[in-house]
Amino acid sequence: MPGESSEPSARWLCIALVAQWPSYLAFAASFITVLIMWTHHHSLFRLMQKNSPKLQFTNGLLLLLTTTVSFPTAIVAEYIETPAAPAAAVLYVGQQVLLATMFLLLLSVVTAEGTVSPEAPAETVRSMKRSYKMGPPLYAVTLAIAFFSPKVAIAISVGLWVFWAFVPAMTSGVRHSGGSGSPC
């Protein structure tokens, strides 16, 4: 929100709102990030034919991490042009490491418990496993970069989100006969 003014005017408010562009960008980035995660989550659940408590708890942990996406994104928007940029980037990319790890864990639970539908194409499952296994190491390397080059680390993270945005399209052969495909 714009700060206070002793005499607020339309001009003052317009200038104050324009000055907040990093916040708008952070909001858009958070939304896009959550949208990409939702797409992946949907792709994972379309593989399934049944549910389990272990799956629900793993999914709940992913949901917890998803609810925090806007916080590190807002911190980056606020501090990327300051001496605090490395700490902001480490927080942001660190959260990406956790999210990538949770997606890999969720996929592991889905595929290890026999919850995969027999109608799920085996190549789709293999492709998802390959791509999800890349996530934690890629983000871990990006995390190391964040300590000394925060803008490069944020740029790499954005590039990785662009990559993840296209992964469901590469694995879209998942079909399930039960309506939406989600047993949950």
N, C-alpha and C. Protein backbone atom coordinates (compact mmCIF):
# COMPACT_ATOMS: atom_id res chain seq x y z
N MET A 1 0.84 -1.18 0.00
CA MET A 1 0.00 0.00 0.00
C MET A 1 0.89 1.24 0.00
N PRO A 2 0.45 2.26 -0.72
CA PRO A 2 1.21 3.51 -0.69
C PRO A 2 1.22 4.11 0.71
N GLY A 3 2.26 4.83 1.00
CA GLY A 3 2.37 5.47 2.31
C GLY A 3 1.35 6.58 2.47
N GLU A 4 1.43 7.26 3.58
CA GLU A 4 0.49 8.34 3.86
C GLU A 4 1.02 9.66 3.31
N SER A 5 0.10 10.56 3.05
CA SER A 5 0.45 11.90 2.60
C SER A 5 -0.40 12.90 3.36
N SER A 6 0.18 14.05 3.67
CA SER A 6 -0.59 15.06 4.39
C SER A 6 -1.71 15.61 3.51
N GLU A 7 -1.50 15.60 2.20
CA GLU A 7 -2.53 16.07 1.27
C GLU A 7 -2.61 15.11 0.09
N PRO A 8 -3.29 13.96 0.26
CA PRO A 8 -3.37 13.01 -0.84
C PRO A 8 -4.14 13.61 -2.02
N SER A 9 -3.62 13.34 -3.19
CA SER A 9 -4.27 13.80 -4.42
C SER A 9 -4.19 12.66 -5.44
N ALA A 10 -4.90 12.83 -6.53
CA ALA A 10 -4.87 11.81 -7.58
C ALA A 10 -3.45 11.67 -8.12
N ARG A 11 -2.75 12.78 -8.30
CA ARG A 11 -1.39 12.74 -8.82
C ARG A 11 -0.47 12.02 -7.83
N TRP A 12 -0.57 12.39 -6.57
CA TRP A 12 0.25 11.74 -5.53
C TRP A 12 0.01 10.24 -5.52
N LEU A 13 -1.27 9.83 -5.57
CA LEU A 13 -1.59 8.40 -5.53
C LEU A 13 -1.04 7.69 -6.77
N CYS A 14 -1.16 8.30 -7.94
CA CYS A 14 -0.61 7.68 -9.16
C CYS A 14 0.90 7.49 -9.05
N ILE A 15 1.60 8.50 -8.56
CA ILE A 15 3.05 8.39 -8.39
C ILE A 15 3.39 7.31 -7.37
N ALA A 16 2.64 7.27 -6.28
CA ALA A 16 2.88 6.26 -5.23
C ALA A 16 2.62 4.85 -5.76
N LEU A 17 1.57 4.69 -6.57
CA LEU A 17 1.26 3.36 -7.12
C LEU A 17 2.32 2.92 -8.13
N VAL A 18 2.79 3.83 -8.97
CA VAL A 18 3.84 3.49 -9.93
C VAL A 18 5.12 3.08 -9.20
N ALA A 19 5.40 3.73 -8.09
CA ALA A 19 6.60 3.40 -7.30
C ALA A 19 6.52 1.99 -6.71
N GLN A 20 5.33 1.44 -6.68
CA GLN A 20 5.14 0.10 -6.11
C GLN A 20 5.29 -1.02 -7.14
N TRP A 21 5.82 -0.72 -8.34
CA TRP A 21 5.88 -1.73 -9.40
C TRP A 21 6.56 -3.03 -8.96
N PRO A 22 7.59 -3.02 -8.11
CA PRO A 22 8.15 -4.31 -7.70
C PRO A 22 7.13 -5.20 -6.97
N SER A 23 6.24 -4.58 -6.22
CA SER A 23 5.20 -5.36 -5.53
C SER A 23 4.23 -5.99 -6.52
N TYR A 24 3.87 -5.26 -7.57
CA TYR A 24 2.98 -5.83 -8.59
C TYR A 24 3.66 -6.99 -9.30
N LEU A 25 4.93 -6.81 -9.60
CA LEU A 25 5.70 -7.86 -10.26
C LEU A 25 5.80 -9.09 -9.35
N ALA A 26 6.02 -8.87 -8.07
CA ALA A 26 6.10 -9.98 -7.11
C ALA A 26 4.76 -10.72 -7.03
N PHE A 27 3.67 -9.97 -7.02
CA PHE A 27 2.34 -10.59 -6.99
C PHE A 27 2.13 -11.45 -8.22
N ALA A 28 2.46 -10.91 -9.40
CA ALA A 28 2.31 -11.67 -10.64
C ALA A 28 3.21 -12.90 -10.64
N ALA A 29 4.44 -12.75 -10.17
CA ALA A 29 5.36 -13.89 -10.12
C ALA A 29 4.85 -14.97 -9.17
N SER A 30 4.32 -14.56 -8.03
CA SER A 30 3.76 -15.53 -7.08
C SER A 30 2.58 -16.27 -7.70
N PHE A 31 1.71 -15.53 -8.36
CA PHE A 31 0.55 -16.16 -8.98
C PHE A 31 0.98 -17.17 -10.04
N ILE A 32 1.91 -16.76 -10.90
CA ILE A 32 2.37 -17.65 -11.97
C ILE A 32 3.05 -18.89 -11.38
N THR A 33 3.83 -18.70 -10.34
CA THR A 33 4.50 -19.82 -9.67
C THR A 33 3.47 -20.81 -9.13
N VAL A 34 2.46 -20.30 -8.43
CA VAL A 34 1.43 -21.17 -7.88
C VAL A 34 0.64 -21.84 -9.00
N LEU A 35 0.38 -21.13 -10.08
CA LEU A 35 -0.32 -21.72 -11.22
C LEU A 35 0.47 -22.89 -11.81
N ILE A 36 1.76 -22.72 -11.96
CA ILE A 36 2.60 -23.80 -12.47
C ILE A 36 2.58 -24.99 -11.51
N MET A 37 2.67 -24.71 -10.22
CA MET A 37 2.63 -25.80 -9.24
C MET A 37 1.27 -26.50 -9.27
N TRP A 38 0.20 -25.75 -9.41
CA TRP A 38 -1.13 -26.34 -9.46
C TRP A 38 -1.25 -27.26 -10.67
N THR A 39 -0.68 -26.82 -11.81
CA THR A 39 -0.71 -27.64 -13.02
C THR A 39 0.03 -28.96 -12.79
N HIS A 40 1.19 -28.87 -12.16
CA HIS A 40 1.95 -30.10 -11.87
C HIS A 40 1.21 -30.99 -10.87
N HIS A 41 0.63 -30.37 -9.87
CA HIS A 41 -0.14 -31.12 -8.88
C HIS A 41 -1.28 -31.87 -9.56
N HIS A 42 -1.98 -31.18 -10.45
CA HIS A 42 -3.07 -31.80 -11.18
C HIS A 42 -2.56 -32.97 -12.04
N SER A 43 -1.42 -32.77 -12.69
CA SER A 43 -0.84 -33.85 -13.50
C SER A 43 -0.50 -35.06 -12.65
N LEU A 44 0.04 -34.82 -11.46
CA LEU A 44 0.37 -35.93 -10.55
C LEU A 44 -0.89 -36.68 -10.13
N PHE A 45 -1.91 -35.94 -9.75
CA PHE A 45 -3.11 -36.60 -9.24
C PHE A 45 -3.90 -37.30 -10.33
N ARG A 46 -3.69 -36.89 -11.58
CA ARG A 46 -4.34 -37.61 -12.67
C ARG A 46 -3.72 -38.98 -12.89
N LEU A 47 -2.54 -39.22 -12.34
CA LEU A 47 -1.90 -40.53 -12.43
C LEU A 47 -2.53 -41.55 -11.49
N MET A 48 -3.25 -41.07 -10.49
CA MET A 48 -3.65 -41.91 -9.37
C MET A 48 -4.99 -42.59 -9.55
N GLN A 49 -5.11 -43.72 -8.85
CA GLN A 49 -6.39 -44.41 -8.80
C GLN A 49 -6.91 -44.54 -7.38
N LYS A 50 -6.06 -44.30 -6.37
CA LYS A 50 -6.51 -44.38 -4.97
C LYS A 50 -5.70 -43.43 -4.10
N ASN A 51 -6.16 -43.26 -2.88
CA ASN A 51 -5.59 -42.32 -1.94
C ASN A 51 -5.05 -43.07 -0.73
N SER A 52 -4.23 -42.41 0.10
CA SER A 52 -3.72 -43.01 1.32
C SER A 52 -3.38 -41.90 2.32
N PRO A 53 -3.31 -42.23 3.61
CA PRO A 53 -2.91 -41.21 4.58
C PRO A 53 -1.51 -40.65 4.30
N LYS A 54 -0.57 -41.49 3.91
CA LYS A 54 0.78 -41.02 3.60
C LYS A 54 0.74 -40.00 2.45
N LEU A 55 -0.06 -40.29 1.45
CA LEU A 55 -0.22 -39.38 0.33
C LEU A 55 -0.85 -38.07 0.80
N GLN A 56 -1.85 -38.13 1.65
CA GLN A 56 -2.52 -36.93 2.13
C GLN A 56 -1.56 -36.05 2.93
N PHE A 57 -0.74 -36.65 3.80
CA PHE A 57 0.21 -35.86 4.59
C PHE A 57 1.30 -35.25 3.70
N THR A 58 1.78 -36.01 2.75
CA THR A 58 2.79 -35.48 1.82
C THR A 58 2.19 -34.33 1.01
N ASN A 59 0.98 -34.52 0.54
CA ASN A 59 0.29 -33.49 -0.20
C ASN A 59 0.05 -32.26 0.70
N GLY A 60 -0.27 -32.48 1.96
CA GLY A 60 -0.47 -31.38 2.90
C GLY A 60 0.80 -30.56 3.11
N LEU A 61 1.96 -31.24 3.17
CA LEU A 61 3.23 -30.51 3.30
C LEU A 61 3.51 -29.67 2.06
N LEU A 62 3.19 -30.21 0.90
CA LEU A 62 3.34 -29.43 -0.32
C LEU A 62 2.41 -28.22 -0.29
N LEU A 63 1.19 -28.41 0.17
CA LEU A 63 0.25 -27.30 0.29
C LEU A 63 0.79 -26.23 1.24
N LEU A 64 1.36 -26.65 2.36
CA LEU A 64 1.95 -25.70 3.30
C LEU A 64 3.02 -24.85 2.61
N LEU A 65 3.92 -25.49 1.91
CA LEU A 65 4.97 -24.75 1.20
C LEU A 65 4.38 -23.83 0.12
N THR A 66 3.35 -24.29 -0.54
CA THR A 66 2.72 -23.48 -1.58
C THR A 66 2.14 -22.19 -0.99
N THR A 67 1.59 -22.27 0.21
CA THR A 67 1.00 -21.08 0.82
C THR A 67 2.05 -20.03 1.17
N THR A 68 3.32 -20.40 1.19
CA THR A 68 4.37 -19.45 1.55
C THR A 68 5.03 -18.79 0.35
N VAL A 69 4.62 -19.13 -0.85
CA VAL A 69 5.28 -18.63 -2.06
C VAL A 69 5.34 -17.10 -2.11
N SER A 70 4.29 -16.44 -1.73
CA SER A 70 4.28 -14.98 -1.88
C SER A 70 5.26 -14.28 -0.93
N PHE A 71 5.57 -14.87 0.22
CA PHE A 71 6.45 -14.20 1.17
C PHE A 71 7.88 -14.01 0.64
N PRO A 72 8.60 -15.07 0.25
CA PRO A 72 9.95 -14.84 -0.28
C PRO A 72 9.94 -14.03 -1.59
N THR A 73 8.88 -14.17 -2.36
CA THR A 73 8.79 -13.39 -3.60
C THR A 73 8.69 -11.90 -3.27
N ALA A 74 7.89 -11.55 -2.27
CA ALA A 74 7.77 -10.15 -1.84
C ALA A 74 9.09 -9.64 -1.25
N ILE A 75 9.79 -10.49 -0.53
CA ILE A 75 11.08 -10.09 0.04
C ILE A 75 12.08 -9.77 -1.08
N VAL A 76 12.10 -10.60 -2.12
CA VAL A 76 12.98 -10.33 -3.26
C VAL A 76 12.61 -9.00 -3.91
N ALA A 77 11.32 -8.77 -4.10
CA ALA A 77 10.88 -7.51 -4.72
C ALA A 77 11.33 -6.30 -3.90
N GLU A 78 11.31 -6.45 -2.59
CA GLU A 78 11.67 -5.34 -1.71
C GLU A 78 13.18 -5.12 -1.61
N TYR A 79 13.97 -6.20 -1.66
CA TYR A 79 15.39 -6.07 -1.31
C TYR A 79 16.38 -6.40 -2.42
N ILE A 80 15.94 -6.74 -3.63
CA ILE A 80 16.86 -7.17 -4.68
C ILE A 80 17.83 -6.06 -5.11
N GLU A 81 17.46 -4.82 -4.93
CA GLU A 81 18.34 -3.71 -5.30
C GLU A 81 19.10 -3.13 -4.10
N THR A 82 19.18 -3.90 -3.02
CA THR A 82 19.83 -3.41 -1.81
C THR A 82 20.99 -4.35 -1.44
N PRO A 83 21.79 -3.97 -0.45
CA PRO A 83 22.84 -4.88 0.02
C PRO A 83 22.28 -6.17 0.63
N ALA A 84 21.00 -6.20 0.93
CA ALA A 84 20.37 -7.41 1.47
C ALA A 84 19.94 -8.40 0.39
N ALA A 85 20.23 -8.09 -0.86
CA ALA A 85 19.81 -8.94 -1.98
C ALA A 85 20.25 -10.40 -1.84
N PRO A 86 21.49 -10.69 -1.41
CA PRO A 86 21.86 -12.11 -1.28
C PRO A 86 20.96 -12.86 -0.30
N ALA A 87 20.63 -12.24 0.82
CA ALA A 87 19.76 -12.92 1.80
C ALA A 87 18.36 -13.13 1.22
N ALA A 88 17.86 -12.13 0.49
CA ALA A 88 16.54 -12.26 -0.13
C ALA A 88 16.54 -13.38 -1.17
N ALA A 89 17.58 -13.44 -1.98
CA ALA A 89 17.67 -14.48 -3.01
C ALA A 89 17.83 -15.86 -2.39
N VAL A 90 18.60 -15.96 -1.32
CA VAL A 90 18.77 -17.24 -0.63
C VAL A 90 17.42 -17.72 -0.08
N LEU A 91 16.65 -16.81 0.50
CA LEU A 91 15.33 -17.17 1.01
C LEU A 91 14.44 -17.67 -0.12
N TYR A 92 14.42 -16.93 -1.22
CA TYR A 92 13.58 -17.28 -2.36
C TYR A 92 13.98 -18.63 -2.97
N VAL A 93 15.26 -18.77 -3.29
CA VAL A 93 15.71 -20.00 -3.94
C VAL A 93 15.67 -21.17 -2.94
N GLY A 94 15.93 -20.89 -1.68
CA GLY A 94 15.81 -21.95 -0.66
C GLY A 94 14.41 -22.53 -0.63
N GLN A 95 13.42 -21.66 -0.76
CA GLN A 95 12.05 -22.16 -0.80
C GLN A 95 11.82 -22.99 -2.06
N GLN A 96 12.44 -22.61 -3.17
CA GLN A 96 12.32 -23.38 -4.40
C GLN A 96 12.93 -24.78 -4.25
N VAL A 97 14.04 -24.85 -3.51
CA VAL A 97 14.65 -26.16 -3.22
C VAL A 97 13.64 -27.03 -2.46
N LEU A 98 13.00 -26.45 -1.45
CA LEU A 98 12.02 -27.20 -0.66
C LEU A 98 10.82 -27.62 -1.52
N LEU A 99 10.33 -26.72 -2.35
CA LEU A 99 9.19 -27.06 -3.22
C LEU A 99 9.54 -28.17 -4.20
N ALA A 100 10.70 -28.06 -4.84
CA ALA A 100 11.11 -29.10 -5.79
C ALA A 100 11.27 -30.45 -5.08
N THR A 101 11.80 -30.41 -3.88
CA THR A 101 11.97 -31.64 -3.10
C THR A 101 10.62 -32.23 -2.73
N MET A 102 9.65 -31.38 -2.36
CA MET A 102 8.32 -31.89 -2.01
C MET A 102 7.61 -32.47 -3.22
N PHE A 103 7.76 -31.85 -4.38
CA PHE A 103 7.14 -32.43 -5.58
C PHE A 103 7.75 -33.79 -5.89
N LEU A 104 9.06 -33.91 -5.75
CA LEU A 104 9.71 -35.20 -5.98
C LEU A 104 9.23 -36.22 -4.95
N LEU A 105 9.11 -35.81 -3.70
CA LEU A 105 8.62 -36.71 -2.65
C LEU A 105 7.18 -37.13 -2.94
N LEU A 106 6.34 -36.18 -3.34
CA LEU A 106 4.95 -36.52 -3.65
C LEU A 106 4.88 -37.51 -4.81
N LEU A 107 5.66 -37.28 -5.85
CA LEU A 107 5.69 -38.22 -6.97
C LEU A 107 6.17 -39.59 -6.50
N SER A 108 7.16 -39.61 -5.62
CA SER A 108 7.66 -40.89 -5.09
C SER A 108 6.59 -41.63 -4.32
N VAL A 109 5.81 -40.91 -3.52
CA VAL A 109 4.72 -41.54 -2.76
C VAL A 109 3.66 -42.07 -3.72
N VAL A 110 3.31 -41.27 -4.72
CA VAL A 110 2.30 -41.69 -5.69
C VAL A 110 2.73 -42.96 -6.41
N THR A 111 4.00 -43.02 -6.81
CA THR A 111 4.45 -44.17 -7.61
C THR A 111 4.86 -45.36 -6.76
N ALA A 112 5.22 -45.15 -5.50
CA ALA A 112 5.69 -46.26 -4.67
C ALA A 112 4.57 -47.03 -4.00
N GLU A 113 3.46 -46.43 -3.80
CA GLU A 113 2.39 -47.09 -3.04
C GLU A 113 1.40 -47.85 -3.91
N GLY A 114 1.67 -47.97 -5.17
CA GLY A 114 0.73 -48.66 -6.05
C GLY A 114 -0.53 -47.86 -6.29
N THR A 115 -0.43 -46.55 -6.16
CA THR A 115 -1.60 -45.71 -6.38
C THR A 115 -1.75 -45.27 -7.83
N VAL A 116 -0.75 -45.57 -8.65
CA VAL A 116 -0.81 -45.16 -10.06
C VAL A 116 -1.86 -46.00 -10.77
N SER A 117 -2.69 -45.32 -11.52
CA SER A 117 -3.72 -45.98 -12.30
C SER A 117 -3.08 -46.85 -13.38
N PRO A 118 -3.66 -48.02 -13.63
CA PRO A 118 -3.14 -48.85 -14.72
C PRO A 118 -3.31 -48.16 -16.08
N GLU A 119 -4.18 -47.15 -16.16
CA GLU A 119 -4.39 -46.42 -17.40
C GLU A 119 -3.35 -45.32 -17.62
N ALA A 120 -2.54 -45.03 -16.60
CA ALA A 120 -1.52 -43.99 -16.74
C ALA A 120 -0.40 -44.53 -17.63
N PRO A 121 -0.08 -43.83 -18.70
CA PRO A 121 0.98 -44.30 -19.60
C PRO A 121 2.32 -44.39 -18.86
N ALA A 122 3.00 -45.51 -18.99
CA ALA A 122 4.28 -45.73 -18.31
C ALA A 122 5.31 -44.68 -18.72
N GLU A 123 5.30 -44.26 -19.97
CA GLU A 123 6.25 -43.24 -20.41
C GLU A 123 6.00 -41.90 -19.73
N THR A 124 4.74 -41.60 -19.46
CA THR A 124 4.41 -40.36 -18.75
C THR A 124 5.00 -40.40 -17.34
N VAL A 125 4.84 -41.52 -16.66
CA VAL A 125 5.38 -41.67 -15.30
C VAL A 125 6.90 -41.55 -15.34
N ARG A 126 7.55 -42.23 -16.28
CA ARG A 126 9.01 -42.15 -16.40
C ARG A 126 9.47 -40.72 -16.69
N SER A 127 8.77 -40.05 -17.57
CA SER A 127 9.13 -38.68 -17.93
C SER A 127 9.00 -37.75 -16.72
N MET A 128 7.94 -37.90 -15.96
CA MET A 128 7.77 -37.07 -14.77
C MET A 128 8.87 -37.36 -13.75
N LYS A 129 9.21 -38.63 -13.58
CA LYS A 129 10.29 -38.97 -12.64
C LYS A 129 11.60 -38.33 -13.07
N ARG A 130 11.91 -38.41 -14.36
CA ARG A 130 13.16 -37.80 -14.86
C ARG A 130 13.18 -36.30 -14.60
N SER A 131 12.12 -35.63 -14.96
CA SER A 131 12.12 -34.17 -14.82
C SER A 131 12.08 -33.75 -13.36
N TYR A 132 11.33 -34.45 -12.51
CA TYR A 132 11.24 -34.06 -11.10
C TYR A 132 12.54 -34.35 -10.35
N LYS A 133 13.28 -35.37 -10.78
CA LYS A 133 14.57 -35.64 -10.15
C LYS A 133 15.58 -34.53 -10.42
N MET A 134 15.41 -33.80 -11.50
CA MET A 134 16.31 -32.70 -11.83
C MET A 134 16.09 -31.49 -10.93
N GLY A 135 14.88 -31.32 -10.42
CA GLY A 135 14.53 -30.12 -9.67
C GLY A 135 15.41 -29.81 -8.47
N PRO A 136 15.47 -30.69 -7.46
CA PRO A 136 16.27 -30.35 -6.28
C PRO A 136 17.74 -30.03 -6.57
N PRO A 137 18.44 -30.82 -7.40
CA PRO A 137 19.84 -30.44 -7.66
C PRO A 137 19.98 -29.11 -8.42
N LEU A 138 19.09 -28.86 -9.38
CA LEU A 138 19.17 -27.60 -10.11
C LEU A 138 18.94 -26.41 -9.19
N TYR A 139 17.96 -26.53 -8.31
CA TYR A 139 17.71 -25.44 -7.37
C TYR A 139 18.81 -25.34 -6.31
N ALA A 140 19.42 -26.46 -5.93
CA ALA A 140 20.52 -26.41 -4.96
C ALA A 140 21.72 -25.65 -5.55
N VAL A 141 22.03 -25.88 -6.80
CA VAL A 141 23.11 -25.14 -7.46
C VAL A 141 22.74 -23.66 -7.53
N THR A 142 21.49 -23.39 -7.86
CA THR A 142 21.02 -21.99 -7.92
C THR A 142 21.10 -21.34 -6.54
N LEU A 143 20.82 -22.11 -5.50
CA LEU A 143 20.94 -21.60 -4.13
C LEU A 143 22.37 -21.19 -3.83
N ALA A 144 23.33 -21.99 -4.23
CA ALA A 144 24.74 -21.64 -4.02
C ALA A 144 25.10 -20.35 -4.75
N ILE A 145 24.56 -20.18 -5.95
CA ILE A 145 24.81 -18.96 -6.73
C ILE A 145 24.20 -17.75 -6.04
N ALA A 146 23.06 -17.93 -5.37
CA ALA A 146 22.36 -16.81 -4.72
C ALA A 146 23.21 -16.09 -3.69
N PHE A 147 24.15 -16.79 -3.06
CA PHE A 147 24.98 -16.18 -2.03
C PHE A 147 25.90 -15.08 -2.58
N PHE A 148 26.35 -15.25 -3.83
CA PHE A 148 27.28 -14.27 -4.38
C PHE A 148 26.75 -13.53 -5.60
N SER A 149 25.66 -14.00 -6.20
CA SER A 149 25.10 -13.33 -7.37
C SER A 149 23.56 -13.47 -7.33
N PRO A 150 22.92 -12.68 -6.47
CA PRO A 150 21.47 -12.86 -6.27
C PRO A 150 20.63 -12.65 -7.53
N LYS A 151 20.96 -11.68 -8.35
CA LYS A 151 20.15 -11.45 -9.56
C LYS A 151 20.28 -12.60 -10.54
N VAL A 152 21.47 -13.16 -10.65
CA VAL A 152 21.65 -14.32 -11.53
C VAL A 152 20.83 -15.50 -10.99
N ALA A 153 20.85 -15.70 -9.68
CA ALA A 153 20.09 -16.79 -9.08
C ALA A 153 18.58 -16.62 -9.32
N ILE A 154 18.10 -15.40 -9.18
CA ILE A 154 16.67 -15.15 -9.43
C ILE A 154 16.36 -15.39 -10.90
N ALA A 155 17.24 -14.95 -11.79
CA ALA A 155 17.03 -15.18 -13.23
C ALA A 155 17.01 -16.68 -13.55
N ILE A 156 17.91 -17.44 -12.93
CA ILE A 156 17.91 -18.89 -13.15
C ILE A 156 16.61 -19.50 -12.63
N SER A 157 16.17 -19.06 -11.46
CA SER A 157 14.90 -19.57 -10.91
C SER A 157 13.74 -19.28 -11.84
N VAL A 158 13.69 -18.07 -12.39
CA VAL A 158 12.63 -17.73 -13.34
C VAL A 158 12.73 -18.64 -14.57
N GLY A 159 13.94 -18.86 -15.05
CA GLY A 159 14.13 -19.77 -16.18
C GLY A 159 13.67 -21.18 -15.87
N LEU A 160 13.93 -21.63 -14.65
CA LEU A 160 13.47 -22.97 -14.26
C LEU A 160 11.95 -23.03 -14.18
N TRP A 161 11.31 -21.96 -13.72
CA TRP A 161 9.84 -21.95 -13.69
C TRP A 161 9.29 -21.99 -15.12
N VAL A 162 9.95 -21.31 -16.03
CA VAL A 162 9.51 -21.38 -17.43
C VAL A 162 9.62 -22.83 -17.92
N PHE A 163 10.75 -23.47 -17.59
CA PHE A 163 10.91 -24.88 -17.96
C PHE A 163 9.79 -25.72 -17.35
N TRP A 164 9.53 -25.57 -16.05
CA TRP A 164 8.50 -26.38 -15.38
C TRP A 164 7.12 -26.09 -15.96
N ALA A 165 6.92 -24.89 -16.48
CA ALA A 165 5.62 -24.57 -17.08
C ALA A 165 5.33 -25.45 -18.30
N PHE A 166 6.39 -25.91 -18.97
CA PHE A 166 6.20 -26.72 -20.17
C PHE A 166 6.28 -28.22 -19.91
N VAL A 167 6.73 -28.64 -18.75
CA VAL A 167 6.83 -30.07 -18.45
C VAL A 167 5.48 -30.77 -18.52
N PRO A 168 4.37 -30.22 -17.95
CA PRO A 168 3.10 -30.94 -18.07
C PRO A 168 2.68 -31.16 -19.52
N ALA A 169 2.99 -30.21 -20.39
CA ALA A 169 2.65 -30.38 -21.80
C ALA A 169 3.42 -31.54 -22.42
N MET A 170 4.62 -31.78 -21.91
CA MET A 170 5.43 -32.88 -22.43
C MET A 170 4.96 -34.23 -21.89
N THR A 171 4.20 -34.19 -20.79
CA THR A 171 3.74 -35.43 -20.16
C THR A 171 2.22 -35.49 -20.12
N SER A 172 1.56 -34.89 -21.09
CA SER A 172 0.11 -34.75 -21.03
C SER A 172 -0.65 -35.99 -21.47
N GLY A 173 0.00 -37.11 -21.65
CA GLY A 173 -0.69 -38.31 -22.07
C GLY A 173 -1.45 -39.00 -20.96
N VAL A 174 -1.53 -38.41 -19.79
CA VAL A 174 -2.20 -39.04 -18.67
C VAL A 174 -3.71 -39.00 -18.87
N ARG A 175 -4.33 -40.15 -18.78
CA ARG A 175 -5.79 -40.24 -18.86
C ARG A 175 -6.26 -41.14 -17.73
N HIS A 176 -7.42 -40.80 -17.20
CA HIS A 176 -8.01 -41.61 -16.13
C HIS A 176 -9.51 -41.62 -16.38
N SER A 177 -10.13 -42.73 -16.21
CA SER A 177 -11.54 -42.85 -16.56
C SER A 177 -12.48 -42.22 -15.55
N GLY A 178 -12.01 -41.84 -14.40
CA GLY A 178 -12.89 -41.37 -13.34
C GLY A 178 -13.10 -39.87 -13.32
N GLY A 179 -13.70 -39.30 -14.32
CA GLY A 179 -14.04 -37.87 -14.31
C GLY A 179 -12.81 -37.00 -14.30
N SER A 180 -12.62 -36.24 -13.19
CA SER A 180 -11.49 -35.32 -13.13
C SER A 180 -10.17 -36.04 -12.99
N GLY A 181 -10.22 -37.32 -12.64
CA GLY A 181 -8.99 -38.08 -12.52
C GLY A 181 -8.41 -38.05 -11.12
N SER A 182 -8.89 -37.17 -10.26
CA SER A 182 -8.34 -37.08 -8.91
C SER A 182 -9.15 -37.91 -7.94
N PRO A 183 -8.51 -38.82 -7.21
CA PRO A 183 -9.23 -39.60 -6.22
C PRO A 183 -9.46 -38.82 -4.94
N CYS A 184 -8.94 -37.61 -4.86
CA CYS A 184 -9.06 -36.81 -3.63
C CYS A 184 -10.10 -35.73 -3.76
